[in-house]
Amino acid sequence: LGGIVVILFGCLGVYMVLGSVYMFAFGKKPKQN
């Protein structure tokens, strides 16, 4: 179980990093009005 938990932590980190990179590359700034 310890191995599964730490791997899930690492995979969650990869997901968050890739999500942030995707948002930065393709995210759109909302219009002001």
PDB file of all heavy atoms in Angstrom:
ATOM      1  N   LEU A   1       0.820  -1.209   0.000  1.00  0.00           N
ATOM      2  CA  LEU A   1       0.000   0.000   0.000  1.00  0.00           C
ATOM      3  C   LEU A   1       0.853   1.256   0.000  1.00  0.00           C
ATOM      4  O   LEU A   1       0.524   2.240  -0.672  1.00  0.00           O
ATOM      5  CB  LEU A   1      -0.924  -0.005   1.226  1.00  0.00           C
ATOM      6  CG  LEU A   1      -1.876   1.193   1.362  1.00  0.00           C
ATOM      7  CD1 LEU A   1      -2.797   1.280   0.153  1.00  0.00           C
ATOM      8  CD2 LEU A   1      -2.683   1.079   2.651  1.00  0.00           C
ATOM      9  N   GLY A   2       1.977   1.233   0.734  1.00  0.00           N
ATOM     10  CA  GLY A   2       2.863   2.406   0.763  1.00  0.00           C
ATOM     11  C   GLY A   2       3.386   2.743  -0.614  1.00  0.00           C
ATOM     12  O   GLY A   2       3.432   3.910  -1.013  1.00  0.00           O
ATOM     13  N   GLY A   3       3.780   1.715  -1.372  1.00  0.00           N
ATOM     14  CA  GLY A   3       4.256   1.941  -2.734  1.00  0.00           C
ATOM     15  C   GLY A   3       3.195   2.510  -3.635  1.00  0.00           C
ATOM     16  O   GLY A   3       3.455   3.392  -4.451  1.00  0.00           O
ATOM     17  N   ILE A   4       1.965   2.009  -3.479  1.00  0.00           N
ATOM     18  CA  ILE A   4       0.852   2.514  -4.294  1.00  0.00           C
ATOM     19  C   ILE A   4       0.580   3.986  -3.987  1.00  0.00           C
ATOM     20  O   ILE A   4       0.380   4.805  -4.890  1.00  0.00           O
ATOM     21  CB  ILE A   4      -0.418   1.675  -4.046  1.00  0.00           C
ATOM     22  CG1 ILE A   4      -0.209   0.240  -4.546  1.00  0.00           C
ATOM     23  CG2 ILE A   4      -1.633   2.311  -4.730  1.00  0.00           C
ATOM     24  CD1 ILE A   4      -1.345  -0.688  -4.225  1.00  0.00           C
ATOM     25  N   VAL A   5       0.604   4.333  -2.699  1.00  0.00           N
ATOM     26  CA  VAL A   5       0.314   5.715  -2.289  1.00  0.00           C
ATOM     27  C   VAL A   5       1.351   6.682  -2.838  1.00  0.00           C
ATOM     28  O   VAL A   5       1.008   7.733  -3.395  1.00  0.00           O
ATOM     29  CB  VAL A   5       0.240   5.808  -0.755  1.00  0.00           C
ATOM     30  CG1 VAL A   5       0.161   7.279  -0.316  1.00  0.00           C
ATOM     31  CG2 VAL A   5      -0.967   5.052  -0.233  1.00  0.00           C
ATOM     32  N   VAL A   6       2.646   6.350  -2.703  1.00  0.00           N
ATOM     33  CA  VAL A   6       3.673   7.290  -3.166  1.00  0.00           C
ATOM     34  C   VAL A   6       3.668   7.404  -4.700  1.00  0.00           C
ATOM     35  O   VAL A   6       3.924   8.485  -5.242  1.00  0.00           O
ATOM     36  CB  VAL A   6       5.074   6.883  -2.660  1.00  0.00           C
ATOM     37  CG1 VAL A   6       5.134   6.963  -1.146  1.00  0.00           C
ATOM     38  CG2 VAL A   6       5.485   5.502  -3.142  1.00  0.00           C
ATOM     39  N   ILE A   7       3.350   6.313  -5.394  1.00  0.00           N
ATOM     40  CA  ILE A   7       3.250   6.391  -6.852  1.00  0.00           C
ATOM     41  C   ILE A   7       2.072   7.264  -7.256  1.00  0.00           C
ATOM     42  O   ILE A   7       2.154   8.065  -8.205  1.00  0.00           O
ATOM     43  CB  ILE A   7       3.103   4.981  -7.461  1.00  0.00           C
ATOM     44  CG1 ILE A   7       4.470   4.310  -7.528  1.00  0.00           C
ATOM     45  CG2 ILE A   7       2.519   5.037  -8.859  1.00  0.00           C
ATOM     46  CD1 ILE A   7       5.452   4.990  -8.468  1.00  0.00           C
ATOM     47  N   LEU A   8       0.952   7.148  -6.535  1.00  0.00           N
ATOM     48  CA  LEU A   8      -0.204   8.010  -6.816  1.00  0.00           C
ATOM     49  C   LEU A   8       0.151   9.482  -6.583  1.00  0.00           C
ATOM     50  O   LEU A   8      -0.285  10.356  -7.342  1.00  0.00           O
ATOM     51  CB  LEU A   8      -1.394   7.607  -5.939  1.00  0.00           C
ATOM     52  CG  LEU A   8      -2.085   6.294  -6.309  1.00  0.00           C
ATOM     53  CD1 LEU A   8      -3.197   5.969  -5.316  1.00  0.00           C
ATOM     54  CD2 LEU A   8      -2.654   6.367  -7.728  1.00  0.00           C
ATOM     55  N   PHE A   9       0.933   9.763  -5.542  1.00  0.00           N
ATOM     56  CA  PHE A   9       1.396  11.129  -5.297  1.00  0.00           C
ATOM     57  C   PHE A   9       2.193  11.629  -6.495  1.00  0.00           C
ATOM     58  O   PHE A   9       1.987  12.748  -6.978  1.00  0.00           O
ATOM     59  CB  PHE A   9       2.266  11.168  -4.033  1.00  0.00           C
ATOM     60  CG  PHE A   9       1.560  11.697  -2.829  1.00  0.00           C
ATOM     61  CD1 PHE A   9       0.732  10.866  -2.095  1.00  0.00           C
ATOM     62  CD2 PHE A   9       1.717  13.003  -2.415  1.00  0.00           C
ATOM     63  CE1 PHE A   9       0.067  11.337  -0.983  1.00  0.00           C
ATOM     64  CE2 PHE A   9       1.056  13.489  -1.300  1.00  0.00           C
ATOM     65  CZ  PHE A   9       0.229  12.653  -0.583  1.00  0.00           C
ATOM     66  N   GLY A  10       3.122  10.809  -6.958  1.00  0.00           N
ATOM     67  CA  GLY A  10       3.946  11.211  -8.095  1.00  0.00           C
ATOM     68  C   GLY A  10       3.128  11.423  -9.350  1.00  0.00           C
ATOM     69  O   GLY A  10       3.322  12.403 -10.080  1.00  0.00           O
ATOM     70  N   CYS A  11       2.190  10.510  -9.621  1.00  0.00           N
ATOM     71  CA  CYS A  11       1.350  10.622 -10.820  1.00  0.00           C
ATOM     72  C   CYS A  11       0.437  11.845 -10.739  1.00  0.00           C
ATOM     73  O   CYS A  11       0.198  12.518 -11.752  1.00  0.00           O
ATOM     74  CB  CYS A  11       0.521   9.349 -11.003  1.00  0.00           C
ATOM     75  SG  CYS A  11       1.507   7.893 -11.435  1.00  0.00           S
ATOM     76  N   LEU A  12      -0.070  12.131  -9.546  1.00  0.00           N
ATOM     77  CA  LEU A  12      -0.889  13.339  -9.369  1.00  0.00           C
ATOM     78  C   LEU A  12      -0.059  14.574  -9.673  1.00  0.00           C
ATOM     79  O   LEU A  12      -0.549  15.529 -10.296  1.00  0.00           O
ATOM     80  CB  LEU A  12      -1.430  13.396  -7.938  1.00  0.00           C
ATOM     81  CG  LEU A  12      -2.249  14.640  -7.578  1.00  0.00           C
ATOM     82  CD1 LEU A  12      -3.476  14.753  -8.479  1.00  0.00           C
ATOM     83  CD2 LEU A  12      -2.672  14.596  -6.111  1.00  0.00           C
ATOM     84  N   GLY A  13       1.199  14.563  -9.231  1.00  0.00           N
ATOM     85  CA  GLY A  13       2.083  15.686  -9.528  1.00  0.00           C
ATOM     86  C   GLY A  13       2.295  15.862 -11.019  1.00  0.00           C
ATOM     87  O   GLY A  13       2.267  16.986 -11.537  1.00  0.00           O
ATOM     88  N   VAL A  14       2.504  14.753 -11.742  1.00  0.00           N
ATOM     89  CA  VAL A  14       2.669  14.825 -13.192  1.00  0.00           C
ATOM     90  C   VAL A  14       1.425  15.404 -13.844  1.00  0.00           C
ATOM     91  O   VAL A  14       1.506  16.264 -14.737  1.00  0.00           O
ATOM     92  CB  VAL A  14       2.966  13.418 -13.769  1.00  0.00           C
ATOM     93  CG1 VAL A  14       2.948  13.448 -15.292  1.00  0.00           C
ATOM     94  CG2 VAL A  14       4.316  12.916 -13.277  1.00  0.00           C
ATOM     95  N   TYR A  15       0.254  14.951 -13.390  1.00  0.00           N
ATOM     96  CA  TYR A  15      -1.012  15.448 -13.936  1.00  0.00           C
ATOM     97  C   TYR A  15      -1.157  16.957 -13.715  1.00  0.00           C
ATOM     98  O   TYR A  15      -1.561  17.696 -14.632  1.00  0.00           O
ATOM     99  CB  TYR A  15      -2.174  14.703 -13.284  1.00  0.00           C
ATOM    100  CG  TYR A  15      -3.532  15.235 -13.658  1.00  0.00           C
ATOM    101  CD1 TYR A  15      -4.132  14.897 -14.872  1.00  0.00           C
ATOM    102  CD2 TYR A  15      -4.227  16.087 -12.795  1.00  0.00           C
ATOM    103  CE1 TYR A  15      -5.372  15.395 -15.221  1.00  0.00           C
ATOM    104  CE2 TYR A  15      -5.471  16.582 -13.130  1.00  0.00           C
ATOM    105  CZ  TYR A  15      -6.048  16.238 -14.345  1.00  0.00           C
ATOM    106  OH  TYR A  15      -7.281  16.736 -14.678  1.00  0.00           O
ATOM    107  N   MET A  16      -0.805  17.428 -12.517  1.00  0.00           N
ATOM    108  CA  MET A  16      -0.945  18.849 -12.203  1.00  0.00           C
ATOM    109  C   MET A  16       0.030  19.691 -13.018  1.00  0.00           C
ATOM    110  O   MET A  16      -0.319  20.769 -13.499  1.00  0.00           O
ATOM    111  CB  MET A  16      -0.737  19.073 -10.709  1.00  0.00           C
ATOM    112  CG  MET A  16      -1.777  18.411  -9.826  1.00  0.00           C
ATOM    113  SD  MET A  16      -1.464  18.589  -8.053  1.00  0.00           S
ATOM    114  CE  MET A  16      -1.846  20.326  -7.826  1.00  0.00           C
ATOM    115  N   VAL A  17       1.250  19.186 -13.185  1.00  0.00           N
ATOM    116  CA  VAL A  17       2.246  19.926 -13.976  1.00  0.00           C
ATOM    117  C   VAL A  17       1.803  20.005 -15.434  1.00  0.00           C
ATOM    118  O   VAL A  17       1.840  21.084 -16.059  1.00  0.00           O
ATOM    119  CB  VAL A  17       3.632  19.259 -13.865  1.00  0.00           C
ATOM    120  CG1 VAL A  17       4.598  19.851 -14.899  1.00  0.00           C
ATOM    121  CG2 VAL A  17       4.196  19.443 -12.464  1.00  0.00           C
ATOM    122  N   LEU A  18       1.394  18.877 -15.999  1.00  0.00           N
ATOM    123  CA  LEU A  18       0.957  18.869 -17.397  1.00  0.00           C
ATOM    124  C   LEU A  18      -0.286  19.732 -17.586  1.00  0.00           C
ATOM    125  O   LEU A  18      -0.428  20.428 -18.600  1.00  0.00           O
ATOM    126  CB  LEU A  18       0.685  17.429 -17.849  1.00  0.00           C
ATOM    127  CG  LEU A  18       1.911  16.512 -17.942  1.00  0.00           C
ATOM    128  CD1 LEU A  18       1.487  15.111 -18.361  1.00  0.00           C
ATOM    129  CD2 LEU A  18       2.935  17.076 -18.908  1.00  0.00           C
ATOM    130  N   GLY A  19      -1.195  19.691 -16.592  1.00  0.00           N
ATOM    131  CA  GLY A  19      -2.399  20.528 -16.668  1.00  0.00           C
ATOM    132  C   GLY A  19      -2.052  22.009 -16.667  1.00  0.00           C
ATOM    133  O   GLY A  19      -2.639  22.800 -17.409  1.00  0.00           O
ATOM    134  N   SER A  20      -1.077  22.388 -15.842  1.00  0.00           N
ATOM    135  CA  SER A  20      -0.653  23.791 -15.788  1.00  0.00           C
ATOM    136  C   SER A  20       0.009  24.216 -17.090  1.00  0.00           C
ATOM    137  O   SER A  20      -0.227  25.324 -17.588  1.00  0.00           O
ATOM    138  CB  SER A  20       0.313  23.998 -14.615  1.00  0.00           C
ATOM    139  OG  SER A  20      -0.308  23.720 -13.382  1.00  0.00           O
ATOM    140  N   VAL A  21       0.841  23.332 -17.642  1.00  0.00           N
ATOM    141  CA  VAL A  21       1.498  23.642 -18.914  1.00  0.00           C
ATOM    142  C   VAL A  21       0.462  23.787 -20.017  1.00  0.00           C
ATOM    143  O   VAL A  21       0.539  24.704 -20.852  1.00  0.00           O
ATOM    144  CB  VAL A  21       2.523  22.548 -19.270  1.00  0.00           C
ATOM    145  CG1 VAL A  21       3.063  22.761 -20.681  1.00  0.00           C
ATOM    146  CG2 VAL A  21       3.666  22.552 -18.263  1.00  0.00           C
ATOM    147  N   TYR A  22      -0.525  22.896 -20.034  1.00  0.00           N
ATOM    148  CA  TYR A  22      -1.584  22.968 -21.049  1.00  0.00           C
ATOM    149  C   TYR A  22      -2.381  24.264 -20.912  1.00  0.00           C
ATOM    150  O   TYR A  22      -2.688  24.932 -21.901  1.00  0.00           O
ATOM    151  CB  TYR A  22      -2.511  21.764 -20.915  1.00  0.00           C
ATOM    152  CG  TYR A  22      -3.649  21.759 -21.909  1.00  0.00           C
ATOM    153  CD1 TYR A  22      -3.487  21.215 -23.179  1.00  0.00           C
ATOM    154  CD2 TYR A  22      -4.889  22.309 -21.575  1.00  0.00           C
ATOM    155  CE1 TYR A  22      -4.520  21.217 -24.099  1.00  0.00           C
ATOM    156  CE2 TYR A  22      -5.932  22.324 -22.485  1.00  0.00           C
ATOM    157  CZ  TYR A  22      -5.741  21.769 -23.750  1.00  0.00           C
ATOM    158  OH  TYR A  22      -6.776  21.781 -24.657  1.00  0.00           O
ATOM    159  N   MET A  23      -2.705  24.629 -19.665  1.00  0.00           N
ATOM    160  CA  MET A  23      -3.468  25.855 -19.434  1.00  0.00           C
ATOM    161  C   MET A  23      -2.678  27.075 -19.902  1.00  0.00           C
ATOM    162  O   MET A  23      -3.232  28.014 -20.488  1.00  0.00           O
ATOM    163  CB  MET A  23      -3.813  25.991 -17.949  1.00  0.00           C
ATOM    164  CG  MET A  23      -4.674  27.209 -17.620  1.00  0.00           C
ATOM    165  SD  MET A  23      -4.978  27.360 -15.842  1.00  0.00           S
ATOM    166  CE  MET A  23      -5.854  25.823 -15.513  1.00  0.00           C
ATOM    167  N   PHE A  24      -1.365  27.062 -19.629  1.00  0.00           N
ATOM    168  CA  PHE A  24      -0.536  28.189 -20.041  1.00  0.00           C
ATOM    169  C   PHE A  24      -0.448  28.283 -21.564  1.00  0.00           C
ATOM    170  O   PHE A  24      -0.479  29.366 -22.136  1.00  0.00           O
ATOM    171  CB  PHE A  24       0.871  28.047 -19.458  1.00  0.00           C
ATOM    172  CG  PHE A  24       1.805  29.143 -19.881  1.00  0.00           C
ATOM    173  CD1 PHE A  24       1.742  30.392 -19.294  1.00  0.00           C
ATOM    174  CD2 PHE A  24       2.749  28.921 -20.873  1.00  0.00           C
ATOM    175  CE1 PHE A  24       2.591  31.412 -19.681  1.00  0.00           C
ATOM    176  CE2 PHE A  24       3.612  29.933 -21.278  1.00  0.00           C
ATOM    177  CZ  PHE A  24       3.534  31.184 -20.682  1.00  0.00           C
ATOM    178  N   ALA A  25      -0.359  27.120 -22.226  1.00  0.00           N
ATOM    179  CA  ALA A  25      -0.169  27.109 -23.681  1.00  0.00           C
ATOM    180  C   ALA A  25      -1.458  27.373 -24.439  1.00  0.00           C
ATOM    181  O   ALA A  25      -1.461  28.074 -25.459  1.00  0.00           O
ATOM    182  CB  ALA A  25       0.426  25.770 -24.118  1.00  0.00           C
ATOM    183  N   PHE A  26      -2.579  26.842 -23.930  1.00  0.00           N
ATOM    184  CA  PHE A  26      -3.819  26.906 -24.704  1.00  0.00           C
ATOM    185  C   PHE A  26      -4.954  27.639 -24.007  1.00  0.00           C
ATOM    186  O   PHE A  26      -6.013  27.831 -24.595  1.00  0.00           O
ATOM    187  CB  PHE A  26      -4.287  25.480 -25.041  1.00  0.00           C
ATOM    188  CG  PHE A  26      -3.271  24.686 -25.807  1.00  0.00           C
ATOM    189  CD1 PHE A  26      -2.560  23.688 -25.168  1.00  0.00           C
ATOM    190  CD2 PHE A  26      -3.008  24.947 -27.138  1.00  0.00           C
ATOM    191  CE1 PHE A  26      -1.603  22.942 -25.855  1.00  0.00           C
ATOM    192  CE2 PHE A  26      -2.056  24.217 -27.832  1.00  0.00           C
ATOM    193  CZ  PHE A  26      -1.353  23.215 -27.194  1.00  0.00           C
ATOM    194  N   GLY A  27      -4.749  28.016 -22.728  1.00  0.00           N
ATOM    195  CA  GLY A  27      -5.809  28.718 -22.018  1.00  0.00           C
ATOM    196  C   GLY A  27      -6.040  30.094 -22.606  1.00  0.00           C
ATOM    197  O   GLY A  27      -5.130  30.750 -23.110  1.00  0.00           O
ATOM    198  N   LYS A  28      -7.280  30.540 -22.532  1.00  0.00           N
ATOM    199  CA  LYS A  28      -7.629  31.857 -23.089  1.00  0.00           C
ATOM    200  C   LYS A  28      -8.001  32.818 -21.977  1.00  0.00           C
ATOM    201  O   LYS A  28      -8.637  32.471 -21.001  1.00  0.00           O
ATOM    202  CB  LYS A  28      -8.834  31.722 -24.033  1.00  0.00           C
ATOM    203  CG  LYS A  28      -8.524  30.910 -25.283  1.00  0.00           C
ATOM    204  CD  LYS A  28      -9.719  30.861 -26.197  1.00  0.00           C
ATOM    205  CE  LYS A  28      -9.405  30.070 -27.468  1.00  0.00           C
ATOM    206  NZ  LYS A  28     -10.577  30.004 -28.380  1.00  0.00           N
ATOM    207  N   LYS A  29      -7.562  34.012 -22.137  1.00  0.00           N
ATOM    208  CA  LYS A  29      -7.882  35.077 -21.204  1.00  0.00           C
ATOM    209  C   LYS A  29      -9.322  35.532 -21.410  1.00  0.00           C
ATOM    210  O   LYS A  29      -9.737  35.844 -22.515  1.00  0.00           O
ATOM    211  CB  LYS A  29      -6.943  36.263 -21.405  1.00  0.00           C
ATOM    212  CG  LYS A  29      -7.222  37.458 -20.535  1.00  0.00           C
ATOM    213  CD  LYS A  29      -6.187  38.528 -20.815  1.00  0.00           C
ATOM    214  CE  LYS A  29      -6.505  39.803 -20.057  1.00  0.00           C
ATOM    215  NZ  LYS A  29      -5.526  40.870 -20.297  1.00  0.00           N
ATOM    216  N   PRO A  30     -10.160  35.570 -20.315  1.00  0.00           N
ATOM    217  CA  PRO A  30     -11.546  35.999 -20.462  1.00  0.00           C
ATOM    218  C   PRO A  30     -11.643  37.447 -20.951  1.00  0.00           C
ATOM    219  O   PRO A  30     -10.788  38.266 -20.662  1.00  0.00           O
ATOM    220  CB  PRO A  30     -12.107  35.867 -19.034  1.00  0.00           C
ATOM    221  CG  PRO A  30     -11.152  34.979 -18.315  1.00  0.00           C
ATOM    222  CD  PRO A  30      -9.833  35.196 -18.940  1.00  0.00           C
ATOM    223  N   LYS A  31     -12.670  37.702 -21.674  1.00  0.00           N
ATOM    224  CA  LYS A  31     -12.889  39.066 -22.125  1.00  0.00           C
ATOM    225  C   LYS A  31     -13.309  39.941 -20.961  1.00  0.00           C
ATOM    226  O   LYS A  31     -13.993  39.490 -20.035  1.00  0.00           O
ATOM    227  CB  LYS A  31     -13.980  39.109 -23.196  1.00  0.00           C
ATOM    228  CG  LYS A  31     -13.569  38.366 -24.475  1.00  0.00           C
ATOM    229  CD  LYS A  31     -14.690  38.450 -25.498  1.00  0.00           C
ATOM    230  CE  LYS A  31     -14.285  37.714 -26.788  1.00  0.00           C
ATOM    231  NZ  LYS A  31     -15.363  37.751 -27.797  1.00  0.00           N
ATOM    232  N   GLN A  32     -12.934  41.202 -21.006  1.00  0.00           N
ATOM    233  CA  GLN A  32     -13.236  42.076 -19.896  1.00  0.00           C
ATOM    234  C   GLN A  32     -14.702  42.428 -19.810  1.00  0.00           C
ATOM    235  O   GLN A  32     -15.244  42.616 -18.742  1.00  0.00           O
ATOM    236  CB  GLN A  32     -12.396  43.354 -20.005  1.00  0.00           C
ATOM    237  CG  GLN A  32     -10.906  43.104 -19.878  1.00  0.00           C
ATOM    238  CD  GLN A  32     -10.118  44.383 -19.854  1.00  0.00           C
ATOM    239  OE1 GLN A  32     -10.682  45.475 -19.712  1.00  0.00           O
ATOM    240  NE2 GLN A  32      -8.827  44.289 -19.968  1.00  0.00           N
ATOM    241  N   ASN A  33     -15.374  42.513 -20.902  1.00  0.00           N
ATOM    242  CA  ASN A  33     -16.774  42.844 -20.905  1.00  0.00           C
ATOM    243  C   ASN A  33     -17.536  41.838 -21.756  1.00  0.00           C
ATOM    244  O   ASN A  33     -17.286  41.694 -22.948  1.00  0.00           O
ATOM    245  CB  ASN A  33     -17.031  44.249 -21.470  1.00  0.00           C
ATOM    246  CG  ASN A  33     -16.440  45.324 -20.575  1.00  0.00           C
ATOM    247  OD1 ASN A  33     -16.859  45.457 -19.435  1.00  0.00           O
ATOM    248  ND2 ASN A  33     -15.470  46.062 -21.093  1.00  0.00           N
TER     249      ASN A  33
END
